[in-house]
């Protein structure tokens, strides 16, 4: 099965780069049951985002270093949270 189109994956990674997002919000907005549109799954599988525990807010989704590079290489603006949310 082909990966989701890069522009959609870029949109997801850029959205998460703005600030850590609650895992439930990410799934609510980006997960789909369509087998041909796997944006969330592709971003996760390609290592652009990851789920991390957040004590008071439940799991959060953050951008990885690989995701930052993907944004830079694609000419996308970096979110204000870069460099301070990665684990």
Protein backbone atom coordinates (compact mmCIF):
# COMPACT_ATOMS: atom_id res chain seq x y z
CA UNK A 1 0.00 0.00 0.00
CA UNK A 2 1.43 3.42 -0.90
CA UNK A 3 2.25 6.03 1.72
CA UNK A 4 0.03 9.05 2.23
CA UNK A 5 0.94 12.00 0.01
CA UNK A 6 3.84 13.99 1.46
CA UNK A 7 1.86 17.28 1.53
CA UNK A 8 -0.62 15.75 3.98
CA UNK A 9 2.14 14.23 6.10
CA UNK A 10 3.88 17.61 6.06
CA UNK A 11 0.68 19.29 7.24
CA UNK A 12 0.42 16.89 10.17
CA UNK A 13 4.08 17.24 11.16
CA UNK A 14 3.90 21.03 10.87
CA UNK A 15 0.73 21.12 13.00
CA UNK A 16 2.38 19.04 15.73
CA UNK A 17 5.53 21.19 15.50
CA UNK A 18 3.57 24.24 16.61
CA UNK A 19 3.10 22.68 20.04
CA UNK A 20 2.85 19.21 21.56
CA UNK A 21 -0.62 17.85 20.89
CA UNK A 22 -2.69 15.52 23.05
CA UNK A 23 -2.64 12.05 21.52
CA UNK A 24 -6.45 11.90 21.50
CA UNK A 25 -6.62 15.18 19.54
CA UNK A 26 -4.14 13.92 16.95
CA UNK A 27 -6.11 10.72 16.42
CA UNK A 28 -9.38 12.63 16.31
CA UNK A 29 -8.10 14.95 13.58
CA UNK A 30 -5.72 12.75 11.58
CA UNK A 31 -6.61 9.09 11.91
CA UNK A 32 -8.81 7.67 9.20
CA UNK A 33 -10.31 4.30 8.41
CA UNK A 34 -9.57 4.78 4.72
CA UNK A 35 -6.84 2.29 3.80
CA UNK A 36 -5.52 4.65 1.11
CA UNK A 37 -5.15 7.70 3.36
CA UNK A 38 -2.84 6.83 6.23
CA UNK A 39 -1.42 10.21 7.21
CA UNK A 40 -1.08 9.60 10.96
CA UNK A 41 0.25 6.08 10.49
CA UNK A 42 2.78 7.16 7.85
CA UNK A 43 4.10 10.06 9.95
CA UNK A 44 4.50 7.71 12.92
CA UNK A 45 6.03 4.86 10.88
CA UNK A 46 8.49 7.22 9.20
CA UNK A 47 9.62 8.52 12.59
CA UNK A 48 8.46 12.12 12.08
CA UNK A 49 6.34 12.18 15.24
CA UNK A 50 6.20 10.12 18.40
CA UNK A 51 3.90 9.57 21.35
CA UNK A 52 5.33 10.41 24.77
CA UNK A 53 3.84 10.23 28.25
CA UNK A 54 2.76 13.50 29.84
CA UNK A 55 1.97 13.10 33.52
CA UNK A 56 -0.90 15.52 33.89
CA UNK A 57 -2.29 15.53 30.36
CA UNK A 58 -2.02 11.94 29.25
CA UNK A 59 0.00 11.02 26.18
CA UNK A 60 1.28 13.79 23.94
CA UNK A 61 2.50 13.71 20.35
CA UNK A 62 5.70 15.58 19.55
CA UNK A 63 7.89 16.07 16.49
CA UNK A 64 11.14 14.11 16.36
CA UNK A 65 14.49 15.25 15.01
CA UNK A 66 13.67 13.30 11.85
CA UNK A 67 10.39 15.20 11.60
CA UNK A 68 12.22 18.51 12.03
CA UNK A 69 14.57 17.57 9.20
CA UNK A 70 11.61 16.54 7.03
CA UNK A 71 10.06 19.97 7.55
CA UNK A 72 13.31 21.81 6.84
CA UNK A 73 14.07 19.75 3.75
CA UNK A 74 10.54 20.41 2.48
CA UNK A 75 10.81 24.16 3.00
CA UNK A 76 8.19 24.25 5.73
CA UNK A 77 8.37 26.68 8.63
CA UNK A 78 9.48 25.25 11.93
CA UNK A 79 7.05 25.46 14.82
CA UNK A 80 7.80 27.56 17.87
CA UNK A 81 8.15 24.43 20.00
CA UNK A 82 11.19 23.05 18.14
CA UNK A 83 14.12 22.19 20.28
CA UNK A 84 12.30 22.28 23.61
CA UNK A 85 9.78 19.43 23.45
CA UNK A 86 11.82 16.52 22.11
CA UNK A 87 12.83 13.72 24.42
